Protein backbone atom coordinates (compact mmCIF):
# COMPACT_ATOMS: atom_id res chain seq x y z
CA UNK A 1 -30.10 -6.33 53.71
CA UNK A 2 -33.46 -4.92 53.10
CA UNK A 3 -34.74 -4.04 49.66
CA UNK A 4 -36.68 -0.55 48.57
CA UNK A 5 -38.27 -0.66 45.18
CA UNK A 6 -38.48 2.66 43.87
CA UNK A 7 -41.49 3.48 41.43
CA UNK A 8 -41.61 7.09 39.37
CA UNK A 9 -45.03 7.74 38.67
CA UNK A 10 -46.80 6.99 35.48
CA UNK A 11 -46.85 9.80 33.00
CA UNK A 12 -48.82 12.65 34.05
CA UNK A 13 -50.71 15.18 31.94
CA UNK A 14 -47.28 17.56 30.92
CA UNK A 15 -48.98 20.75 28.98
CA UNK A 16 -52.64 20.33 30.50
CA UNK A 17 -54.23 22.76 33.05
CA UNK A 18 -53.65 20.10 36.06
CA UNK A 19 -50.45 18.57 35.32
CA UNK A 20 -50.74 16.31 38.48
CA UNK A 21 -53.28 13.84 36.77
CA UNK A 22 -52.36 10.58 35.18
CA UNK A 23 -52.42 10.39 31.58
CA UNK A 24 -54.15 7.38 29.70
CA UNK A 25 -50.61 5.99 28.62
CA UNK A 26 -49.72 6.93 32.39
CA UNK A 27 -52.46 4.83 33.79
CA UNK A 28 -51.25 2.10 30.97
CA UNK A 29 -47.52 2.25 32.24
CA UNK A 30 -49.07 1.54 35.73
CA UNK A 31 -50.90 -1.20 34.94
CA UNK A 32 -48.11 -2.78 33.08
CA UNK A 33 -45.69 -2.48 35.81
CA UNK A 34 -48.39 -3.99 38.17
CA UNK A 35 -48.26 -7.08 36.07
CA UNK A 36 -44.38 -7.05 35.94
CA UNK A 37 -44.12 -6.86 39.91
CA UNK A 38 -46.55 -9.88 40.00
CA UNK A 39 -44.52 -11.72 37.49
CA UNK A 40 -41.47 -11.35 39.51
CA UNK A 41 -43.55 -12.77 42.59
CA UNK A 42 -42.72 -9.68 44.55
CA UNK A 43 -44.71 -8.98 47.91
CA UNK A 44 -44.09 -6.19 50.13
CA UNK A 45 -43.90 -5.70 53.59
CA UNK A 46 -44.98 -1.74 53.11
CA UNK A 47 -45.89 0.65 50.52
CA UNK A 48 -45.18 4.36 50.43
CA UNK A 49 -46.25 7.43 48.58
CA UNK A 50 -45.95 11.09 48.18
CA UNK A 51 -49.12 13.13 48.47
CA UNK A 52 -49.30 14.03 44.99
CA UNK A 53 -52.23 12.69 42.91
CA UNK A 54 -50.14 11.11 40.23
CA UNK A 55 -47.53 9.44 42.77
CA UNK A 56 -51.17 8.01 44.80
CA UNK A 57 -53.05 7.04 41.49
CA UNK A 58 -49.63 5.36 40.11
CA UNK A 59 -49.84 3.12 43.45
CA UNK A 60 -53.62 2.56 43.25
CA UNK A 61 -53.29 1.06 40.18
CA UNK A 62 -50.84 -1.12 40.95
CA UNK A 63 -52.84 -2.38 43.85
CA UNK A 64 -55.91 -2.98 41.63
CA UNK A 65 -53.67 -5.39 39.22
CA UNK A 66 -52.56 -7.29 42.65
CA UNK A 67 -56.50 -7.24 43.72
CA UNK A 68 -57.47 -8.46 40.45
CA UNK A 69 -54.93 -11.45 40.64
CA UNK A 70 -56.17 -12.30 44.23
CA UNK A 71 -53.08 -10.89 45.77
CA UNK A 72 -52.81 -8.50 48.58
CA UNK A 73 -50.71 -5.42 49.80
CA UNK A 74 -50.34 -3.68 52.50
CA UNK A 75 -52.09 -0.24 53.26
CA UNK A 76 -50.42 2.53 51.65
CA UNK A 77 -48.99 5.15 53.77
CA UNK A 78 -48.26 8.69 52.65
CA UNK A 79 -45.54 10.53 53.56
CA UNK A 80 -45.17 14.15 52.71
CA UNK A 81 -41.18 13.71 52.58
CA UNK A 82 -41.73 11.88 48.92
CA UNK A 83 -43.53 14.92 47.35
CA UNK A 84 -41.93 16.47 44.50
CA UNK A 85 -40.56 19.90 43.81
CA UNK A 86 -42.88 22.01 42.03
CA UNK A 87 -40.88 22.64 38.73
CA UNK A 88 -43.29 24.77 37.28
CA UNK A 89 -43.33 27.25 40.15
CA UNK A 90 -39.34 27.28 40.27
CA UNK A 91 -39.47 27.87 36.61
CA UNK A 92 -41.92 30.85 36.63
CA UNK A 93 -40.32 32.17 39.33
CA UNK A 94 -36.66 32.15 37.84
CA UNK A 95 -38.08 33.14 34.28
CA UNK A 96 -37.70 36.88 34.84
CA UNK A 97 -34.14 36.54 35.93
CA UNK A 98 -33.02 34.16 33.15
CA UNK A 99 -34.78 36.35 30.69
CA UNK A 100 -32.80 39.68 32.01
CA UNK A 101 -29.51 37.61 31.52
CA UNK A 102 -30.40 36.58 28.20
CA UNK A 103 -33.20 38.19 26.42
CA UNK A 104 -32.88 35.43 23.66
CA UNK A 105 -34.67 32.86 25.79
CA UNK A 106 -38.12 34.79 25.07
CA UNK A 107 -38.55 33.05 21.53
CA UNK A 108 -37.70 29.45 23.47
CA UNK A 109 -40.31 30.39 26.05
CA UNK A 110 -42.94 31.53 23.60
CA UNK A 111 -42.41 28.01 21.86
CA UNK A 112 -41.57 25.58 24.98
CA UNK A 113 -45.16 23.84 25.77
CA UNK A 114 -44.96 22.97 21.95
CA UNK A 115 -41.26 22.29 21.08
CA UNK A 116 -39.46 19.73 23.22
CA UNK A 117 -36.01 21.19 22.69
CA UNK A 118 -37.15 24.51 23.57
CA UNK A 119 -38.70 23.29 26.97
CA UNK A 120 -35.55 21.13 27.61
CA UNK A 121 -33.69 24.50 27.39
CA UNK A 122 -35.52 26.70 29.63
CA UNK A 123 -36.22 23.86 32.11
CA UNK A 124 -32.26 23.09 32.22
CA UNK A 125 -31.14 26.43 32.55
CA UNK A 126 -33.81 26.99 35.39
CA UNK A 127 -32.74 23.79 37.19
CA UNK A 128 -29.25 24.63 36.98
CA UNK A 129 -29.74 28.13 38.42
CA UNK A 130 -32.32 26.99 40.97
CA UNK A 131 -29.80 24.56 42.48
CA UNK A 132 -26.95 26.82 42.43
CA UNK A 133 -28.74 28.86 44.97
CA UNK A 134 -27.93 32.05 42.34
CA UNK A 135 -31.09 33.79 42.86
CA UNK A 136 -33.06 36.28 44.97
CA UNK A 137 -36.54 34.27 45.10
CA UNK A 138 -37.33 33.49 49.03
CA UNK A 139 -40.87 32.39 48.11
CA UNK A 140 -39.72 29.29 46.34
CA UNK A 141 -38.45 25.92 47.79
CA UNK A 142 -34.70 25.62 48.00
CA UNK A 143 -32.79 22.94 46.45
CA UNK A 144 -31.14 21.89 49.72
CA UNK A 145 -34.24 22.13 51.96
CA UNK A 146 -35.78 19.78 49.17
CA UNK A 147 -32.94 17.26 49.43
CA UNK A 148 -32.85 17.11 53.39
CA UNK A 149 -36.70 16.35 53.26
CA UNK A 150 -36.02 13.51 50.98
CA UNK A 151 -33.14 12.27 53.15
CA UNK A 152 -34.92 12.74 56.07
CA UNK A 153 -38.07 10.62 54.57
CA UNK A 154 -35.76 7.73 53.40
CA UNK A 155 -33.91 7.49 56.67
CA UNK A 156 -37.38 7.28 58.34
CA UNK A 157 -38.43 4.52 56.27
CA UNK A 158 -35.40 2.41 56.94
CA UNK A 159 -35.46 3.23 60.73
CA UNK A 160 -39.24 2.16 60.81
CA UNK A 161 -38.61 -0.73 59.03
CA UNK A 162 -35.13 -2.32 59.84
CA UNK A 163 -33.94 -5.51 58.09
CA UNK A 164 -35.08 -8.28 55.88
CA UNK A 165 -38.03 -6.05 54.36
CA UNK A 166 -39.15 -5.38 50.82
CA UNK A 167 -40.29 -2.01 50.36
CA UNK A 168 -42.26 -0.14 47.41
CA UNK A 169 -42.15 3.72 47.37
CA UNK A 170 -43.87 5.41 44.62
CA UNK A 171 -42.97 9.03 44.13
CA UNK A 172 -40.89 11.31 41.68
CA UNK A 173 -37.99 11.74 39.51
CA UNK A 174 -36.38 14.46 41.62
CA UNK A 175 -37.03 12.79 44.74
CA UNK A 176 -35.45 9.57 43.26
CA UNK A 177 -32.36 11.71 42.05
CA UNK A 178 -32.40 12.98 45.76
CA UNK A 179 -31.88 9.33 46.71
CA UNK A 180 -29.47 8.52 44.41
CA UNK A 181 -27.05 11.61 45.40
CA UNK A 182 -27.36 10.25 48.95
CA UNK A 183 -26.29 6.46 48.15
CA UNK A 184 -23.79 7.30 45.47
CA UNK A 185 -22.21 10.72 46.64
CA UNK A 186 -23.15 12.69 43.56
CA UNK A 187 -22.75 16.27 42.82
CA UNK A 188 -25.29 18.63 42.62
CA UNK A 189 -25.47 18.99 39.12
CA UNK A 190 -24.93 15.26 38.21
CA UNK A 191 -27.80 14.75 40.67
CA UNK A 192 -30.00 16.40 38.16
CA UNK A 193 -28.68 15.49 35.44
CA UNK A 194 -29.83 11.89 36.29
CA UNK A 195 -33.30 13.12 37.02
CA UNK A 196 -33.68 13.84 33.35
CA UNK A 197 -33.04 10.23 32.37
CA UNK A 198 -35.63 8.55 34.50
CA UNK A 199 -38.88 7.35 32.75
CA UNK A 200 -42.22 7.24 34.05
CA UNK A 201 -43.12 4.23 35.75
CA UNK A 202 -39.61 2.77 35.96
CA UNK A 203 -38.37 0.84 38.50
CA UNK A 204 -35.01 1.61 40.64
CA UNK A 205 -34.02 -0.73 43.62
CA UNK A 206 -31.78 -0.17 46.67
CA UNK A 207 -30.43 -2.12 49.35
CA UNK A 208 -30.05 -0.64 52.83
CA UNK A 209 -28.69 -1.78 56.09
CA UNK A 210 -28.01 0.28 59.42
CA UNK A 211 -24.52 1.65 58.04
CA UNK A 212 -25.83 2.47 54.33
CA UNK A 213 -28.04 2.65 51.00
CA UNK A 214 -26.72 1.10 48.06
CA UNK A 215 -28.20 1.48 44.48
CA UNK A 216 -28.76 -2.13 43.20
CA UNK A 217 -30.60 -1.25 39.76
CA UNK A 218 -31.62 1.82 37.88
CA UNK A 219 -34.54 3.03 35.89
CA UNK A 220 -35.88 -0.49 34.96
CA UNK A 221 -38.08 0.03 31.76
CA UNK A 222 -37.76 -3.36 30.11
CA UNK A 223 -41.00 -4.58 31.00
CA UNK A 224 -42.49 -1.50 29.20
CA UNK A 225 -40.32 -2.42 26.30
CA UNK A 226 -41.57 -5.50 26.08
CA UNK A 227 -44.86 -4.44 25.10
CA UNK A 228 -43.63 -3.38 21.41
CA UNK A 229 -45.43 0.05 22.14
CA UNK A 230 -42.61 2.79 21.90
CA UNK A 231 -45.15 5.16 23.05
CA UNK A 232 -45.09 3.60 26.70
CA UNK A 233 -41.43 4.65 27.40
CA UNK A 234 -41.90 8.57 28.44
CA UNK A 235 -40.00 10.89 30.53
CA UNK A 236 -42.37 13.64 31.19
């Protein structure tokens, strides 16, 4: 069987003007992950990333770590199928309907950048509304369309690489959760809840053959924990 190693990007710039930029911690996470992959003596036949800067930069830092050790990796291929959905656009689009249904959310909305509980409350409600399709917002990406796009991308990777290959993909939590649903047959709600557990720069491994894709390991962060820096374990 072939192996797909999936990396969620390092910590981005949550709460900043441009979220799609690795934070200093995100850069550190990426470098530590690169060193870990080298310790595992992992080489890869192909590398893929979504188009987003945080995804591509996570890949670039790991490629640089390999180069510093005199090791090479294949050229990075960019697949738009591995782009994350725009959670900010989804939330902003759905907020008016959410407030109309529950005006008490106004207080949480005003505190959501500074207060993690307020953000999670709003984010969770927005995501569940999004995946349900229970809204009238033709301007935002549909959850089912997003899943189909991700499934098309991972199927393309599997078809192009065939058997006995090691593949490394840099993307995001939403993308990974959609692949998890494909591998495990999860419900949409279970898939969304899994997404919230995925750490920055975590490593998830799948096996596949011509018939199926199988989850081998999920959300590995032990290499970050060994750095004895609690702040390296982040979720957004």
